[in-house]
mmCIF file of all heavy atoms, coordinates in Angstrom:
data_MODEL
# 
_entry.id   MODEL 
# 
loop_
_atom_site.group_PDB 
_atom_site.id 
_atom_site.type_symbol 
_atom_site.label_atom_id 
_atom_site.label_alt_id 
_atom_site.label_comp_id 
_atom_site.label_asym_id 
_atom_site.label_entity_id 
_atom_site.label_seq_id 
_atom_site.pdbx_PDB_ins_code 
_atom_site.Cartn_x 
_atom_site.Cartn_y 
_atom_site.Cartn_z 
_atom_site.occupancy 
_atom_site.B_iso_or_equiv 
_atom_site.pdbx_formal_charge 
_atom_site.auth_seq_id 
_atom_site.auth_comp_id 
_atom_site.auth_asym_id 
_atom_site.auth_atom_id 
_atom_site.pdbx_PDB_model_num 
ATOM 1   N N   . LEU A 1 1  ? -213.247 63.201 66.045 1.00 0.00 ? 1  LEU A N   1 
ATOM 2   C CA  . LEU A 1 1  ? -214.074 64.310 65.549 1.00 0.00 ? 1  LEU A CA  1 
ATOM 3   C C   . LEU A 1 1  ? -214.346 64.228 64.044 1.00 0.00 ? 1  LEU A C   1 
ATOM 4   O O   . LEU A 1 1  ? -214.867 65.182 63.459 1.00 0.00 ? 1  LEU A O   1 
ATOM 5   C CB  . LEU A 1 1  ? -213.386 65.645 65.877 1.00 0.00 ? 1  LEU A CB  1 
ATOM 6   C CG  . LEU A 1 1  ? -213.201 65.946 67.363 1.00 0.00 ? 1  LEU A CG  1 
ATOM 7   C CD1 . LEU A 1 1  ? -212.306 67.155 67.559 1.00 0.00 ? 1  LEU A CD1 1 
ATOM 8   C CD2 . LEU A 1 1  ? -214.544 66.130 68.046 1.00 0.00 ? 1  LEU A CD2 1 
ATOM 9   N N   . ARG A 1 2  ? -214.023 63.124 63.423 1.00 0.00 ? 2  ARG A N   1 
ATOM 10  C CA  . ARG A 1 2  ? -214.119 62.996 61.967 1.00 0.00 ? 2  ARG A CA  1 
ATOM 11  C C   . ARG A 1 2  ? -215.518 63.218 61.414 1.00 0.00 ? 2  ARG A C   1 
ATOM 12  O O   . ARG A 1 2  ? -215.678 63.562 60.254 1.00 0.00 ? 2  ARG A O   1 
ATOM 13  C CB  . ARG A 1 2  ? -213.583 61.643 61.526 1.00 0.00 ? 2  ARG A CB  1 
ATOM 14  C CG  . ARG A 1 2  ? -214.446 60.480 61.951 1.00 0.00 ? 2  ARG A CG  1 
ATOM 15  C CD  . ARG A 1 2  ? -213.795 59.149 61.581 1.00 0.00 ? 2  ARG A CD  1 
ATOM 16  N NE  . ARG A 1 2  ? -214.543 58.019 62.068 1.00 0.00 ? 2  ARG A NE  1 
ATOM 17  C CZ  . ARG A 1 2  ? -214.344 57.422 63.243 1.00 0.00 ? 2  ARG A CZ  1 
ATOM 18  N NH1 . ARG A 1 2  ? -213.402 57.865 64.050 1.00 0.00 ? 2  ARG A NH1 1 
ATOM 19  N NH2 . ARG A 1 2  ? -215.066 56.379 63.602 1.00 0.00 ? 2  ARG A NH2 1 
ATOM 20  N N   . GLY A 1 3  ? -216.538 63.082 62.214 1.00 0.00 ? 3  GLY A N   1 
ATOM 21  C CA  . GLY A 1 3  ? -217.905 63.266 61.737 1.00 0.00 ? 3  GLY A CA  1 
ATOM 22  C C   . GLY A 1 3  ? -218.326 64.723 61.641 1.00 0.00 ? 3  GLY A C   1 
ATOM 23  O O   . GLY A 1 3  ? -219.410 65.015 61.148 1.00 0.00 ? 3  GLY A O   1 
ATOM 24  N N   . ASN A 1 4  ? -217.475 65.645 62.067 1.00 0.00 ? 4  ASN A N   1 
ATOM 25  C CA  . ASN A 1 4  ? -217.805 67.069 62.053 1.00 0.00 ? 4  ASN A CA  1 
ATOM 26  C C   . ASN A 1 4  ? -216.940 67.781 61.001 1.00 0.00 ? 4  ASN A C   1 
ATOM 27  O O   . ASN A 1 4  ? -215.803 68.145 61.278 1.00 0.00 ? 4  ASN A O   1 
ATOM 28  C CB  . ASN A 1 4  ? -217.570 67.671 63.441 1.00 0.00 ? 4  ASN A CB  1 
ATOM 29  C CG  . ASN A 1 4  ? -218.019 69.096 63.544 1.00 0.00 ? 4  ASN A CG  1 
ATOM 30  O OD1 . ASN A 1 4  ? -218.278 69.769 62.542 1.00 0.00 ? 4  ASN A OD1 1 
ATOM 31  N ND2 . ASN A 1 4  ? -218.104 69.581 64.770 1.00 0.00 ? 4  ASN A ND2 1 
ATOM 32  N N   . PRO A 1 5  ? -217.477 67.986 59.791 1.00 0.00 ? 5  PRO A N   1 
ATOM 33  C CA  . PRO A 1 5  ? -216.668 68.575 58.715 1.00 0.00 ? 5  PRO A CA  1 
ATOM 34  C C   . PRO A 1 5  ? -216.236 70.015 58.966 1.00 0.00 ? 5  PRO A C   1 
ATOM 35  O O   . PRO A 1 5  ? -215.290 70.499 58.347 1.00 0.00 ? 5  PRO A O   1 
ATOM 36  C CB  . PRO A 1 5  ? -217.562 68.480 57.478 1.00 0.00 ? 5  PRO A CB  1 
ATOM 37  C CG  . PRO A 1 5  ? -218.933 68.217 57.982 1.00 0.00 ? 5  PRO A CG  1 
ATOM 38  C CD  . PRO A 1 5  ? -218.817 67.627 59.349 1.00 0.00 ? 5  PRO A CD  1 
ATOM 39  N N   . ALA A 1 6  ? -216.878 70.716 59.890 1.00 0.00 ? 6  ALA A N   1 
ATOM 40  C CA  . ALA A 1 6  ? -216.448 72.078 60.216 1.00 0.00 ? 6  ALA A CA  1 
ATOM 41  C C   . ALA A 1 6  ? -215.166 72.059 61.048 1.00 0.00 ? 6  ALA A C   1 
ATOM 42  O O   . ALA A 1 6  ? -214.407 73.019 61.058 1.00 0.00 ? 6  ALA A O   1 
ATOM 43  C CB  . ALA A 1 6  ? -217.552 72.803 60.979 1.00 0.00 ? 6  ALA A CB  1 
ATOM 44  N N   . VAL A 1 7  ? -214.927 70.953 61.730 1.00 0.00 ? 7  VAL A N   1 
ATOM 45  C CA  . VAL A 1 7  ? -213.759 70.823 62.603 1.00 0.00 ? 7  VAL A CA  1 
ATOM 46  C C   . VAL A 1 7  ? -212.653 69.993 61.945 1.00 0.00 ? 7  VAL A C   1 
ATOM 47  O O   . VAL A 1 7  ? -211.466 70.278 62.114 1.00 0.00 ? 7  VAL A O   1 
ATOM 48  C CB  . VAL A 1 7  ? -214.182 70.184 63.955 1.00 0.00 ? 7  VAL A CB  1 
ATOM 49  C CG1 . VAL A 1 7  ? -212.993 69.941 64.848 1.00 0.00 ? 7  VAL A CG1 1 
ATOM 50  C CG2 . VAL A 1 7  ? -215.206 71.053 64.658 1.00 0.00 ? 7  VAL A CG2 1 
ATOM 51  N N   . VAL A 1 8  ? -213.053 68.971 61.207 1.00 0.00 ? 8  VAL A N   1 
ATOM 52  C CA  . VAL A 1 8  ? -212.086 68.069 60.572 1.00 0.00 ? 8  VAL A CA  1 
ATOM 53  C C   . VAL A 1 8  ? -212.403 67.971 59.084 1.00 0.00 ? 8  VAL A C   1 
ATOM 54  O O   . VAL A 1 8  ? -213.422 67.408 58.692 1.00 0.00 ? 8  VAL A O   1 
ATOM 55  C CB  . VAL A 1 8  ? -212.120 66.667 61.216 1.00 0.00 ? 8  VAL A CB  1 
ATOM 56  C CG1 . VAL A 1 8  ? -211.193 65.721 60.487 1.00 0.00 ? 8  VAL A CG1 1 
ATOM 57  C CG2 . VAL A 1 8  ? -211.755 66.735 62.694 1.00 0.00 ? 8  VAL A CG2 1 
ATOM 58  N N   . ASN A 1 9  ? -211.511 68.525 58.279 1.00 0.00 ? 9  ASN A N   1 
ATOM 59  C CA  . ASN A 1 9  ? -211.657 68.428 56.823 1.00 0.00 ? 9  ASN A CA  1 
ATOM 60  C C   . ASN A 1 9  ? -210.484 67.620 56.256 1.00 0.00 ? 9  ASN A C   1 
ATOM 61  O O   . ASN A 1 9  ? -209.633 67.139 57.005 1.00 0.00 ? 9  ASN A O   1 
ATOM 62  C CB  . ASN A 1 9  ? -211.760 69.820 56.189 1.00 0.00 ? 9  ASN A CB  1 
ATOM 63  C CG  . ASN A 1 9  ? -210.560 70.692 56.530 1.00 0.00 ? 9  ASN A CG  1 
ATOM 64  O OD1 . ASN A 1 9  ? -209.447 70.197 56.727 1.00 0.00 ? 9  ASN A OD1 1 
ATOM 65  N ND2 . ASN A 1 9  ? -210.774 71.992 56.595 1.00 0.00 ? 9  ASN A ND2 1 
ATOM 66  N N   . ASP A 1 10 ? -210.438 67.497 54.949 1.00 0.00 ? 10 ASP A N   1 
ATOM 67  C CA  . ASP A 1 10 ? -209.358 66.714 54.323 1.00 0.00 ? 10 ASP A CA  1 
ATOM 68  C C   . ASP A 1 10 ? -207.978 67.280 54.639 1.00 0.00 ? 10 ASP A C   1 
ATOM 69  O O   . ASP A 1 10 ? -207.030 66.525 54.860 1.00 0.00 ? 10 ASP A O   1 
ATOM 70  C CB  . ASP A 1 10 ? -209.552 66.659 52.804 1.00 0.00 ? 10 ASP A CB  1 
ATOM 71  C CG  . ASP A 1 10 ? -210.732 65.789 52.406 1.00 0.00 ? 10 ASP A CG  1 
ATOM 72  O OD1 . ASP A 1 10 ? -211.192 64.977 53.238 1.00 0.00 ? 10 ASP A OD1 1 
ATOM 73  O OD2 . ASP A 1 10 ? -211.196 65.915 51.257 1.00 0.00 ? 10 ASP A OD2 1 
ATOM 74  N N   . ALA A 1 11 ? -207.856 68.601 54.666 1.00 0.00 ? 11 ALA A N   1 
ATOM 75  C CA  . ALA A 1 11 ? -206.557 69.224 54.957 1.00 0.00 ? 11 ALA A CA  1 
ATOM 76  C C   . ALA A 1 11 ? -206.078 68.867 56.362 1.00 0.00 ? 11 ALA A C   1 
ATOM 77  O O   . ALA A 1 11 ? -204.887 68.641 56.582 1.00 0.00 ? 11 ALA A O   1 
ATOM 78  C CB  . ALA A 1 11 ? -206.661 70.745 54.797 1.00 0.00 ? 11 ALA A CB  1 
ATOM 79  N N   . VAL A 1 12 ? -206.993 68.789 57.313 1.00 0.00 ? 12 VAL A N   1 
ATOM 80  C CA  . VAL A 1 12 ? -206.641 68.424 58.694 1.00 0.00 ? 12 VAL A CA  1 
ATOM 81  C C   . VAL A 1 12 ? -206.138 66.984 58.733 1.00 0.00 ? 12 VAL A C   1 
ATOM 82  O O   . VAL A 1 12 ? -205.138 66.687 59.393 1.00 0.00 ? 12 VAL A O   1 
ATOM 83  C CB  . VAL A 1 12 ? -207.849 68.636 59.633 1.00 0.00 ? 12 VAL A CB  1 
ATOM 84  C CG1 . VAL A 1 12 ? -207.602 68.026 61.002 1.00 0.00 ? 12 VAL A CG1 1 
ATOM 85  C CG2 . VAL A 1 12 ? -208.169 70.123 59.757 1.00 0.00 ? 12 VAL A CG2 1 
ATOM 86  N N   . TRP A 1 13 ? -206.818 66.085 58.026 1.00 0.00 ? 13 TRP A N   1 
ATOM 87  C CA  . TRP A 1 13 ? -206.381 64.690 57.971 1.00 0.00 ? 13 TRP A CA  1 
ATOM 88  C C   . TRP A 1 13 ? -204.967 64.585 57.387 1.00 0.00 ? 13 TRP A C   1 
ATOM 89  O O   . TRP A 1 13 ? -204.102 63.892 57.944 1.00 0.00 ? 13 TRP A O   1 
ATOM 90  C CB  . TRP A 1 13 ? -207.323 63.854 57.101 1.00 0.00 ? 13 TRP A CB  1 
ATOM 91  C CG  . TRP A 1 13 ? -208.519 63.348 57.825 1.00 0.00 ? 13 TRP A CG  1 
ATOM 92  C CD1 . TRP A 1 13 ? -209.788 63.809 57.718 1.00 0.00 ? 13 TRP A CD1 1 
ATOM 93  C CD2 . TRP A 1 13 ? -208.561 62.273 58.760 1.00 0.00 ? 13 TRP A CD2 1 
ATOM 94  N NE1 . TRP A 1 13 ? -210.621 63.095 58.535 1.00 0.00 ? 13 TRP A NE1 1 
ATOM 95  C CE2 . TRP A 1 13 ? -209.896 62.139 59.183 1.00 0.00 ? 13 TRP A CE2 1 
ATOM 96  C CE3 . TRP A 1 13 ? -207.613 61.410 59.283 1.00 0.00 ? 13 TRP A CE3 1 
ATOM 97  C CZ2 . TRP A 1 13 ? -210.303 61.176 60.104 1.00 0.00 ? 13 TRP A CZ2 1 
ATOM 98  C CZ3 . TRP A 1 13 ? -208.021 60.451 60.203 1.00 0.00 ? 13 TRP A CZ3 1 
ATOM 99  C CH2 . TRP A 1 13 ? -209.343 60.339 60.600 1.00 0.00 ? 13 TRP A CH2 1 
ATOM 100 N N   . ILE A 1 14 ? -204.759 65.244 56.269 1.00 0.00 ? 14 ILE A N   1 
ATOM 101 C CA  . ILE A 1 14 ? -203.460 65.164 55.591 1.00 0.00 ? 14 ILE A CA  1 
ATOM 102 C C   . ILE A 1 14 ? -202.365 65.761 56.461 1.00 0.00 ? 14 ILE A C   1 
ATOM 103 O O   . ILE A 1 14 ? -201.322 65.135 56.694 1.00 0.00 ? 14 ILE A O   1 
ATOM 104 C CB  . ILE A 1 14 ? -203.525 65.852 54.210 1.00 0.00 ? 14 ILE A CB  1 
ATOM 105 C CG1 . ILE A 1 14 ? -204.460 65.064 53.283 1.00 0.00 ? 14 ILE A CG1 1 
ATOM 106 C CG2 . ILE A 1 14 ? -202.134 65.993 53.603 1.00 0.00 ? 14 ILE A CG2 1 
ATOM 107 C CD1 . ILE A 1 14 ? -204.858 65.814 52.020 1.00 0.00 ? 14 ILE A CD1 1 
ATOM 108 N N   . ARG A 1 15 ? -202.579 66.963 56.949 1.00 0.00 ? 15 ARG A N   1 
ATOM 109 C CA  . ARG A 1 15 ? -201.570 67.629 57.779 1.00 0.00 ? 15 ARG A CA  1 
ATOM 110 C C   . ARG A 1 15 ? -201.311 66.849 59.061 1.00 0.00 ? 15 ARG A C   1 
ATOM 111 O O   . ARG A 1 15 ? -200.156 66.663 59.466 1.00 0.00 ? 15 ARG A O   1 
ATOM 112 C CB  . ARG A 1 15 ? -202.013 69.065 58.100 1.00 0.00 ? 15 ARG A CB  1 
ATOM 113 C CG  . ARG A 1 15 ? -201.056 69.815 58.986 1.00 0.00 ? 15 ARG A CG  1 
ATOM 114 C CD  . ARG A 1 15 ? -199.774 70.128 58.273 1.00 0.00 ? 15 ARG A CD  1 
ATOM 115 N NE  . ARG A 1 15 ? -198.820 70.720 59.212 1.00 0.00 ? 15 ARG A NE  1 
ATOM 116 C CZ  . ARG A 1 15 ? -197.537 70.795 59.007 1.00 0.00 ? 15 ARG A CZ  1 
ATOM 117 N NH1 . ARG A 1 15 ? -197.029 70.349 57.884 1.00 0.00 ? 15 ARG A NH1 1 
ATOM 118 N NH2 . ARG A 1 15 ? -196.745 71.326 59.891 1.00 0.00 ? 15 ARG A NH2 1 
ATOM 119 N N   . GLY A 1 16 ? -202.372 66.371 59.699 1.00 0.00 ? 16 GLY A N   1 
ATOM 120 C CA  . GLY A 1 16 ? -202.202 65.605 60.935 1.00 0.00 ? 16 GLY A CA  1 
ATOM 121 C C   . GLY A 1 16 ? -201.359 64.361 60.737 1.00 0.00 ? 16 GLY A C   1 
ATOM 122 O O   . GLY A 1 16 ? -200.488 64.042 61.556 1.00 0.00 ? 16 GLY A O   1 
ATOM 123 N N   . THR A 1 17 ? -201.582 63.676 59.643 1.00 0.00 ? 17 THR A N   1 
ATOM 124 C CA  . THR A 1 17 ? -200.812 62.461 59.345 1.00 0.00 ? 17 THR A CA  1 
ATOM 125 C C   . THR A 1 17 ? -199.360 62.794 59.036 1.00 0.00 ? 17 THR A C   1 
ATOM 126 O O   . THR A 1 17 ? -198.434 62.129 59.528 1.00 0.00 ? 17 THR A O   1 
ATOM 127 C CB  . THR A 1 17 ? -201.455 61.716 58.155 1.00 0.00 ? 17 THR A CB  1 
ATOM 128 O OG1 . THR A 1 17 ? -202.827 61.464 58.469 1.00 0.00 ? 17 THR A OG1 1 
ATOM 129 C CG2 . THR A 1 17 ? -200.748 60.415 57.872 1.00 0.00 ? 17 THR A CG2 1 
ATOM 130 N N   . ILE A 1 18 ? -199.139 63.829 58.241 1.00 0.00 ? 18 ILE A N   1 
ATOM 131 C CA  . ILE A 1 18 ? -197.769 64.235 57.905 1.00 0.00 ? 18 ILE A CA  1 
ATOM 132 C C   . ILE A 1 18 ? -197.010 64.659 59.155 1.00 0.00 ? 18 ILE A C   1 
ATOM 133 O O   . ILE A 1 18 ? -195.832 64.316 59.331 1.00 0.00 ? 18 ILE A O   1 
ATOM 134 C CB  . ILE A 1 18 ? -197.784 65.372 56.862 1.00 0.00 ? 18 ILE A CB  1 
ATOM 135 C CG1 . ILE A 1 18 ? -198.238 64.834 55.508 1.00 0.00 ? 18 ILE A CG1 1 
ATOM 136 C CG2 . ILE A 1 18 ? -196.418 66.042 56.747 1.00 0.00 ? 18 ILE A CG2 1 
ATOM 137 C CD1 . ILE A 1 18 ? -198.533 65.916 54.481 1.00 0.00 ? 18 ILE A CD1 1 
ATOM 138 N N   . VAL A 1 19 ? -197.674 65.383 60.039 1.00 0.00 ? 19 VAL A N   1 
ATOM 139 C CA  . VAL A 1 19 ? -197.016 65.859 61.249 1.00 0.00 ? 19 VAL A CA  1 
ATOM 140 C C   . VAL A 1 19 ? -196.618 64.693 62.150 1.00 0.00 ? 19 VAL A C   1 
ATOM 141 O O   . VAL A 1 19 ? -195.522 64.672 62.701 1.00 0.00 ? 19 VAL A O   1 
ATOM 142 C CB  . VAL A 1 19 ? -197.903 66.885 61.998 1.00 0.00 ? 19 VAL A CB  1 
ATOM 143 C CG1 . VAL A 1 19 ? -197.354 67.197 63.368 1.00 0.00 ? 19 VAL A CG1 1 
ATOM 144 C CG2 . VAL A 1 19 ? -198.013 68.157 61.182 1.00 0.00 ? 19 VAL A CG2 1 
ATOM 145 N N   . VAL A 1 20 ? -197.491 63.718 62.313 1.00 0.00 ? 20 VAL A N   1 
ATOM 146 C CA  . VAL A 1 20 ? -197.138 62.553 63.137 1.00 0.00 ? 20 VAL A CA  1 
ATOM 147 C C   . VAL A 1 20 ? -195.945 61.820 62.538 1.00 0.00 ? 20 VAL A C   1 
ATOM 148 O O   . VAL A 1 20 ? -195.007 61.443 63.253 1.00 0.00 ? 20 VAL A O   1 
ATOM 149 C CB  . VAL A 1 20 ? -198.346 61.603 63.319 1.00 0.00 ? 20 VAL A CB  1 
ATOM 150 C CG1 . VAL A 1 20 ? -197.912 60.280 63.931 1.00 0.00 ? 20 VAL A CG1 1 
ATOM 151 C CG2 . VAL A 1 20 ? -199.407 62.259 64.192 1.00 0.00 ? 20 VAL A CG2 1 
ATOM 152 N N   . ALA A 1 21 ? -195.945 61.635 61.227 1.00 0.00 ? 21 ALA A N   1 
ATOM 153 C CA  . ALA A 1 21 ? -194.824 60.957 60.573 1.00 0.00 ? 21 ALA A CA  1 
ATOM 154 C C   . ALA A 1 21 ? -193.523 61.745 60.751 1.00 0.00 ? 21 ALA A C   1 
ATOM 155 O O   . ALA A 1 21 ? -192.472 61.169 61.094 1.00 0.00 ? 21 ALA A O   1 
ATOM 156 C CB  . ALA A 1 21 ? -195.123 60.749 59.088 1.00 0.00 ? 21 ALA A CB  1 
ATOM 157 N N   . SER A 1 22 ? -193.566 63.049 60.553 1.00 0.00 ? 22 SER A N   1 
ATOM 158 C CA  . SER A 1 22 ? -192.350 63.854 60.694 1.00 0.00 ? 22 SER A CA  1 
ATOM 159 C C   . SER A 1 22 ? -191.893 63.901 62.145 1.00 0.00 ? 22 SER A C   1 
ATOM 160 O O   . SER A 1 22 ? -190.695 63.873 62.429 1.00 0.00 ? 22 SER A O   1 
ATOM 161 C CB  . SER A 1 22 ? -192.557 65.267 60.150 1.00 0.00 ? 22 SER A CB  1 
ATOM 162 O OG  . SER A 1 22 ? -193.348 66.034 61.023 1.00 0.00 ? 22 SER A OG  1 
ATOM 163 N N   . ALA A 1 23 ? -192.841 63.941 63.079 1.00 0.00 ? 23 ALA A N   1 
ATOM 164 C CA  . ALA A 1 23 ? -192.478 63.962 64.498 1.00 0.00 ? 23 ALA A CA  1 
ATOM 165 C C   . ALA A 1 23 ? -191.819 62.644 64.911 1.00 0.00 ? 23 ALA A C   1 
ATOM 166 O O   . ALA A 1 23 ? -190.844 62.645 65.672 1.00 0.00 ? 23 ALA A O   1 
ATOM 167 C CB  . ALA A 1 23 ? -193.714 64.232 65.348 1.00 0.00 ? 23 ALA A CB  1 
ATOM 168 N N   . ALA A 1 24 ? -192.333 61.535 64.397 1.00 0.00 ? 24 ALA A N   1 
ATOM 169 C CA  . ALA A 1 24 ? -191.722 60.233 64.710 1.00 0.00 ? 24 ALA A CA  1 
ATOM 170 C C   . ALA A 1 24 ? -190.303 60.160 64.137 1.00 0.00 ? 24 ALA A C   1 
ATOM 171 O O   . ALA A 1 24 ? -189.371 59.688 64.806 1.00 0.00 ? 24 ALA A O   1 
ATOM 172 C CB  . ALA A 1 24 ? -192.585 59.099 64.161 1.00 0.00 ? 24 ALA A CB  1 
ATOM 173 N N   . LEU A 1 25 ? -190.132 60.632 62.912 1.00 0.00 ? 25 LEU A N   1 
ATOM 174 C CA  . LEU A 1 25 ? -188.795 60.667 62.313 1.00 0.00 ? 25 LEU A CA  1 
ATOM 175 C C   . LEU A 1 25 ? -187.857 61.556 63.124 1.00 0.00 ? 25 LEU A C   1 
ATOM 176 O O   . LEU A 1 25 ? -186.725 61.173 63.420 1.00 0.00 ? 25 LEU A O   1 
ATOM 177 C CB  . LEU A 1 25 ? -188.869 61.213 60.885 1.00 0.00 ? 25 LEU A CB  1 
ATOM 178 C CG  . LEU A 1 25 ? -189.080 60.219 59.775 1.00 0.00 ? 25 LEU A CG  1 
ATOM 179 C CD1 . LEU A 1 25 ? -189.258 60.957 58.453 1.00 0.00 ? 25 LEU A CD1 1 
ATOM 180 C CD2 . LEU A 1 25 ? -187.938 59.247 59.685 1.00 0.00 ? 25 LEU A CD2 1 
# 
């Protein structure tokens, strides 16, 4: 969904990446 800025913004990218990393840990 990266092409839709109303759905995916920079905060979503950052939070999504942090959450995956913390979940893996």
